[in-house]
């Protein structure tokens, strides 16, 4: 767990974590969970024609995985809670509204 105070963390400091192997099942499970079935993540033929040349994992999956690997002291997570309107428990619906500016 990273329990060093923010002010004491220095460039070059290293904290060791465990690891997660990104597998086909891991990526497909995330796609099923989120509904993000973009072909860049799931379709090898499509992905081969992109600048990546192969399928890649979802960015949100990688960020979530990294957050899980870096065990932060609970007080560090306060920055996220200050911006949330309310916690999202089981059975609660989640929706988003996006307003695009007129060009």
N, C-alpha and C. Protein backbone atom coordinates (compact mmCIF):
# COMPACT_ATOMS: atom_id res chain seq x y z
N UNK A 1 0.85 -1.18 0.00
CA UNK A 1 0.00 0.00 0.00
C UNK A 1 0.89 1.24 0.00
N UNK A 2 0.50 2.21 -0.80
CA UNK A 2 1.21 3.48 -0.81
C UNK A 2 0.63 4.33 0.31
N UNK A 3 1.40 4.50 1.36
CA UNK A 3 0.90 5.27 2.49
C UNK A 3 1.76 6.50 2.75
N UNK A 4 2.75 6.72 1.88
CA UNK A 4 3.57 7.91 1.99
C UNK A 4 2.71 9.13 1.71
N UNK A 5 2.90 10.17 2.46
CA UNK A 5 2.11 11.37 2.19
C UNK A 5 2.50 11.92 0.83
N UNK A 6 1.54 12.55 0.18
CA UNK A 6 1.76 13.09 -1.16
C UNK A 6 2.99 14.00 -1.21
N UNK A 7 3.15 14.81 -0.19
CA UNK A 7 4.26 15.77 -0.17
C UNK A 7 5.61 15.08 -0.09
N UNK A 8 5.66 13.83 0.39
CA UNK A 8 6.92 13.11 0.54
C UNK A 8 7.28 12.25 -0.66
N UNK A 9 6.39 12.14 -1.64
CA UNK A 9 6.68 11.35 -2.84
C UNK A 9 7.59 12.17 -3.75
N UNK A 10 8.65 11.55 -4.23
CA UNK A 10 9.64 12.22 -5.06
C UNK A 10 9.76 11.55 -6.43
N UNK A 11 10.14 12.32 -7.43
CA UNK A 11 10.40 11.76 -8.76
C UNK A 11 11.46 10.68 -8.62
N UNK A 12 11.17 9.55 -9.21
CA UNK A 12 12.11 8.43 -9.14
C UNK A 12 11.74 7.41 -8.08
N UNK A 13 10.84 7.74 -7.15
CA UNK A 13 10.38 6.78 -6.16
C UNK A 13 9.70 5.61 -6.88
N UNK A 14 9.87 4.43 -6.35
CA UNK A 14 9.29 3.23 -6.96
C UNK A 14 8.47 2.49 -5.91
N UNK A 15 7.28 2.07 -6.31
CA UNK A 15 6.44 1.23 -5.46
C UNK A 15 6.13 -0.03 -6.26
N UNK A 16 6.42 -1.18 -5.71
CA UNK A 16 6.19 -2.46 -6.39
C UNK A 16 4.73 -2.89 -6.20
N UNK A 17 4.14 -3.43 -7.26
CA UNK A 17 2.77 -3.94 -7.19
C UNK A 17 2.76 -5.38 -7.68
N UNK A 18 1.61 -5.99 -7.56
CA UNK A 18 1.39 -7.28 -8.19
C UNK A 18 1.21 -7.05 -9.68
N UNK A 19 0.65 -8.02 -10.37
CA UNK A 19 0.43 -7.83 -11.81
C UNK A 19 -0.85 -8.51 -12.23
N UNK A 20 -1.34 -8.10 -13.39
CA UNK A 20 -2.49 -8.72 -14.03
C UNK A 20 -2.09 -8.99 -15.46
N UNK A 21 -2.37 -10.18 -15.94
CA UNK A 21 -2.13 -10.51 -17.34
C UNK A 21 -3.38 -10.19 -18.13
N UNK A 22 -3.24 -9.36 -19.15
CA UNK A 22 -4.38 -8.98 -19.98
C UNK A 22 -4.61 -10.10 -20.99
N UNK A 23 -5.72 -10.80 -20.81
CA UNK A 23 -6.05 -11.94 -21.67
C UNK A 23 -7.28 -11.61 -22.51
N UNK A 24 -7.55 -12.49 -23.44
CA UNK A 24 -8.76 -12.38 -24.27
C UNK A 24 -10.00 -12.31 -23.38
N UNK A 25 -10.06 -13.19 -22.40
CA UNK A 25 -11.22 -13.24 -21.51
C UNK A 25 -11.34 -11.96 -20.69
N UNK A 26 -10.22 -11.39 -20.28
CA UNK A 26 -10.21 -10.17 -19.48
C UNK A 26 -10.81 -9.01 -20.28
N UNK A 27 -10.38 -8.88 -21.54
CA UNK A 27 -10.88 -7.81 -22.40
C UNK A 27 -12.35 -8.05 -22.75
N UNK A 28 -12.71 -9.28 -23.11
CA UNK A 28 -14.11 -9.58 -23.44
C UNK A 28 -15.03 -9.38 -22.23
N UNK A 29 -14.56 -9.75 -21.07
CA UNK A 29 -15.34 -9.55 -19.85
C UNK A 29 -15.63 -8.07 -19.62
N UNK A 30 -14.62 -7.22 -19.86
CA UNK A 30 -14.82 -5.78 -19.70
C UNK A 30 -15.80 -5.27 -20.76
N UNK A 31 -15.67 -5.77 -21.98
CA UNK A 31 -16.60 -5.36 -23.05
C UNK A 31 -18.03 -5.75 -22.68
N UNK A 32 -18.21 -6.95 -22.14
CA UNK A 32 -19.54 -7.40 -21.72
C UNK A 32 -20.07 -6.55 -20.57
N UNK A 33 -19.20 -6.23 -19.63
CA UNK A 33 -19.61 -5.45 -18.47
C UNK A 33 -20.03 -4.03 -18.84
N UNK A 34 -19.26 -3.41 -19.74
CA UNK A 34 -19.48 -2.00 -20.07
C UNK A 34 -20.34 -1.79 -21.31
N UNK A 35 -20.44 -2.80 -22.15
CA UNK A 35 -21.15 -2.62 -23.42
C UNK A 35 -20.29 -1.99 -24.49
N UNK A 36 -19.02 -1.75 -24.20
CA UNK A 36 -18.10 -1.15 -25.17
C UNK A 36 -17.53 -2.28 -26.04
N UNK A 37 -18.17 -2.47 -27.18
CA UNK A 37 -17.75 -3.55 -28.08
C UNK A 37 -17.12 -3.00 -29.36
N UNK A 38 -16.36 -1.93 -29.21
CA UNK A 38 -15.68 -1.34 -30.36
C UNK A 38 -14.79 -2.40 -31.00
N UNK A 39 -14.80 -2.50 -32.33
CA UNK A 39 -14.02 -3.53 -33.00
C UNK A 39 -12.51 -3.43 -32.77
N UNK A 40 -12.02 -2.28 -32.37
CA UNK A 40 -10.59 -2.16 -32.06
C UNK A 40 -10.19 -3.08 -30.91
N UNK A 41 -11.15 -3.38 -30.05
CA UNK A 41 -10.88 -4.24 -28.91
C UNK A 41 -11.21 -5.70 -29.17
N UNK A 42 -12.12 -5.96 -30.11
CA UNK A 42 -12.65 -7.33 -30.25
C UNK A 42 -12.49 -7.97 -31.62
N UNK A 43 -12.28 -7.20 -32.66
CA UNK A 43 -12.25 -7.73 -34.03
C UNK A 43 -10.82 -7.69 -34.59
N UNK A 44 -10.17 -8.85 -34.69
CA UNK A 44 -8.77 -8.86 -35.15
C UNK A 44 -8.58 -8.31 -36.57
N UNK A 45 -9.54 -8.56 -37.46
CA UNK A 45 -9.40 -8.06 -38.83
C UNK A 45 -9.50 -6.53 -38.87
N UNK A 46 -10.46 -6.00 -38.15
CA UNK A 46 -10.59 -4.54 -38.08
C UNK A 46 -9.34 -3.93 -37.45
N UNK A 47 -8.94 -4.46 -36.30
CA UNK A 47 -7.81 -3.90 -35.57
C UNK A 47 -6.51 -3.96 -36.38
N UNK A 48 -6.36 -4.99 -37.22
CA UNK A 48 -5.15 -5.12 -38.04
C UNK A 48 -5.00 -3.96 -39.02
N UNK A 49 -6.10 -3.32 -39.37
CA UNK A 49 -6.05 -2.21 -40.33
C UNK A 49 -5.88 -0.85 -39.64
N UNK A 50 -5.76 -0.84 -38.33
CA UNK A 50 -5.59 0.41 -37.60
C UNK A 50 -4.12 0.72 -37.39
N UNK A 51 -3.83 1.87 -36.85
CA UNK A 51 -2.43 2.25 -36.59
C UNK A 51 -1.77 1.35 -35.56
N UNK A 52 -2.59 0.59 -34.79
CA UNK A 52 -2.04 -0.30 -33.78
C UNK A 52 -1.66 -1.66 -34.36
N UNK A 53 -2.31 -2.05 -35.47
CA UNK A 53 -1.98 -3.31 -36.14
C UNK A 53 -2.52 -4.54 -35.43
N UNK A 54 -3.15 -4.37 -34.31
CA UNK A 54 -3.70 -5.49 -33.56
C UNK A 54 -4.73 -4.97 -32.58
N UNK A 55 -5.49 -5.90 -31.99
CA UNK A 55 -6.47 -5.49 -30.99
C UNK A 55 -5.76 -4.92 -29.77
N UNK A 56 -6.38 -3.95 -29.14
CA UNK A 56 -5.84 -3.38 -27.92
C UNK A 56 -6.93 -3.39 -26.84
N UNK A 57 -6.50 -3.36 -25.61
CA UNK A 57 -7.43 -3.33 -24.49
C UNK A 57 -8.03 -1.93 -24.36
N UNK A 58 -9.20 -1.86 -23.78
CA UNK A 58 -9.87 -0.59 -23.53
C UNK A 58 -9.01 0.27 -22.60
N UNK A 59 -8.95 1.56 -22.88
CA UNK A 59 -8.22 2.47 -22.00
C UNK A 59 -8.80 2.48 -20.59
N UNK A 60 -10.13 2.45 -20.49
CA UNK A 60 -10.77 2.44 -19.17
C UNK A 60 -10.44 1.16 -18.40
N UNK A 61 -10.29 0.06 -19.12
CA UNK A 61 -9.92 -1.19 -18.47
C UNK A 61 -8.51 -1.08 -17.91
N UNK A 62 -7.61 -0.49 -18.67
CA UNK A 62 -6.24 -0.35 -18.20
C UNK A 62 -6.16 0.58 -16.99
N UNK A 63 -6.89 1.68 -17.03
CA UNK A 63 -6.88 2.60 -15.89
C UNK A 63 -7.47 1.93 -14.65
N UNK A 64 -8.55 1.21 -14.82
CA UNK A 64 -9.17 0.51 -13.69
C UNK A 64 -8.22 -0.55 -13.13
N UNK A 65 -7.56 -1.27 -14.01
CA UNK A 65 -6.63 -2.30 -13.58
C UNK A 65 -5.48 -1.68 -12.80
N UNK A 66 -4.94 -0.59 -13.32
CA UNK A 66 -3.82 0.07 -12.63
C UNK A 66 -4.26 0.59 -11.26
N UNK A 67 -5.45 1.14 -11.17
CA UNK A 67 -5.95 1.60 -9.88
C UNK A 67 -6.07 0.44 -8.90
N UNK A 68 -6.42 -0.74 -9.41
CA UNK A 68 -6.52 -1.91 -8.56
C UNK A 68 -5.17 -2.43 -8.12
N UNK A 69 -4.15 -2.24 -8.94
CA UNK A 69 -2.81 -2.73 -8.60
C UNK A 69 -2.10 -1.81 -7.61
N UNK A 70 -2.39 -0.54 -7.68
CA UNK A 70 -1.76 0.41 -6.78
C UNK A 70 -2.69 0.59 -5.59
N UNK A 71 -2.35 -0.03 -4.51
CA UNK A 71 -3.20 0.04 -3.32
C UNK A 71 -2.93 1.35 -2.59
N UNK A 72 -3.80 2.29 -2.80
CA UNK A 72 -3.66 3.59 -2.17
C UNK A 72 -4.32 3.60 -0.81
N UNK A 73 -3.76 4.37 0.08
CA UNK A 73 -4.40 4.58 1.37
C UNK A 73 -5.77 5.21 1.11
N UNK A 74 -6.81 4.78 1.81
CA UNK A 74 -8.16 5.30 1.54
C UNK A 74 -8.27 6.82 1.54
N UNK A 75 -7.46 7.50 2.31
CA UNK A 75 -7.54 8.96 2.34
C UNK A 75 -7.15 9.57 1.00
N UNK A 76 -6.35 8.86 0.20
CA UNK A 76 -5.96 9.36 -1.11
C UNK A 76 -7.14 9.41 -2.07
N UNK A 77 -8.14 8.59 -1.84
CA UNK A 77 -9.28 8.50 -2.74
C UNK A 77 -10.29 9.63 -2.52
N UNK A 78 -10.09 10.42 -1.51
CA UNK A 78 -11.01 11.51 -1.21
C UNK A 78 -11.18 12.44 -2.40
N UNK A 79 -10.15 12.62 -3.20
CA UNK A 79 -10.25 13.53 -4.35
C UNK A 79 -11.33 13.09 -5.31
N UNK A 80 -11.61 11.78 -5.40
CA UNK A 80 -12.67 11.30 -6.28
C UNK A 80 -14.04 11.55 -5.67
N UNK A 81 -14.17 11.35 -4.39
CA UNK A 81 -15.47 11.48 -3.73
C UNK A 81 -15.94 12.91 -3.66
N UNK A 82 -15.04 13.85 -3.62
CA UNK A 82 -15.44 15.26 -3.55
C UNK A 82 -16.21 15.69 -4.79
N UNK A 83 -16.05 14.99 -5.90
CA UNK A 83 -16.69 15.39 -7.15
C UNK A 83 -17.93 14.57 -7.47
N UNK A 84 -18.13 13.47 -6.79
CA UNK A 84 -19.29 12.62 -7.06
C UNK A 84 -20.53 13.22 -6.40
N UNK A 85 -21.64 13.16 -7.11
CA UNK A 85 -22.90 13.67 -6.57
C UNK A 85 -23.41 12.74 -5.47
N UNK A 86 -23.31 11.43 -5.73
CA UNK A 86 -23.76 10.44 -4.76
C UNK A 86 -23.12 9.10 -5.11
N UNK A 87 -23.00 8.21 -4.14
CA UNK A 87 -22.45 6.89 -4.45
C UNK A 87 -23.40 6.11 -5.35
N UNK A 88 -22.86 5.19 -6.13
CA UNK A 88 -23.66 4.37 -7.03
C UNK A 88 -23.66 2.94 -6.53
N UNK A 89 -24.68 2.58 -5.79
CA UNK A 89 -24.81 1.24 -5.26
C UNK A 89 -25.53 0.32 -6.23
N UNK A 90 -25.70 -0.93 -5.83
CA UNK A 90 -26.39 -1.92 -6.65
C UNK A 90 -27.82 -1.47 -6.91
N UNK A 91 -28.30 -1.74 -8.10
CA UNK A 91 -29.67 -1.44 -8.46
C UNK A 91 -29.91 -0.01 -8.90
N UNK A 92 -28.91 0.83 -8.78
CA UNK A 92 -29.06 2.22 -9.17
C UNK A 92 -28.74 2.38 -10.65
N UNK A 93 -29.52 3.16 -11.37
CA UNK A 93 -29.27 3.36 -12.79
C UNK A 93 -28.27 4.49 -12.98
N UNK A 94 -27.46 4.35 -14.00
CA UNK A 94 -26.46 5.35 -14.32
C UNK A 94 -26.72 5.85 -15.73
N UNK A 95 -26.77 7.15 -15.91
CA UNK A 95 -26.97 7.75 -17.23
C UNK A 95 -26.12 8.99 -17.33
N UNK A 96 -25.85 9.40 -18.54
CA UNK A 96 -25.05 10.59 -18.78
C UNK A 96 -25.70 11.39 -19.89
N UNK A 97 -25.58 12.66 -19.81
CA UNK A 97 -26.08 13.54 -20.86
C UNK A 97 -24.89 14.34 -21.39
N UNK A 98 -24.72 14.35 -22.67
CA UNK A 98 -23.61 15.08 -23.28
C UNK A 98 -24.18 16.10 -24.24
N UNK A 99 -23.84 17.36 -24.03
CA UNK A 99 -24.27 18.43 -24.92
C UNK A 99 -23.09 18.82 -25.79
N UNK A 100 -23.24 18.64 -27.09
CA UNK A 100 -22.18 19.01 -28.02
C UNK A 100 -22.36 20.47 -28.43
N UNK A 101 -21.29 21.24 -28.45
CA UNK A 101 -21.41 22.65 -28.86
C UNK A 101 -21.75 22.74 -30.34
N UNK A 102 -22.49 23.74 -30.71
CA UNK A 102 -22.79 23.98 -32.12
C UNK A 102 -21.56 24.55 -32.80
N UNK A 103 -21.24 24.05 -33.95
CA UNK A 103 -20.06 24.55 -34.67
C UNK A 103 -20.49 25.53 -35.75
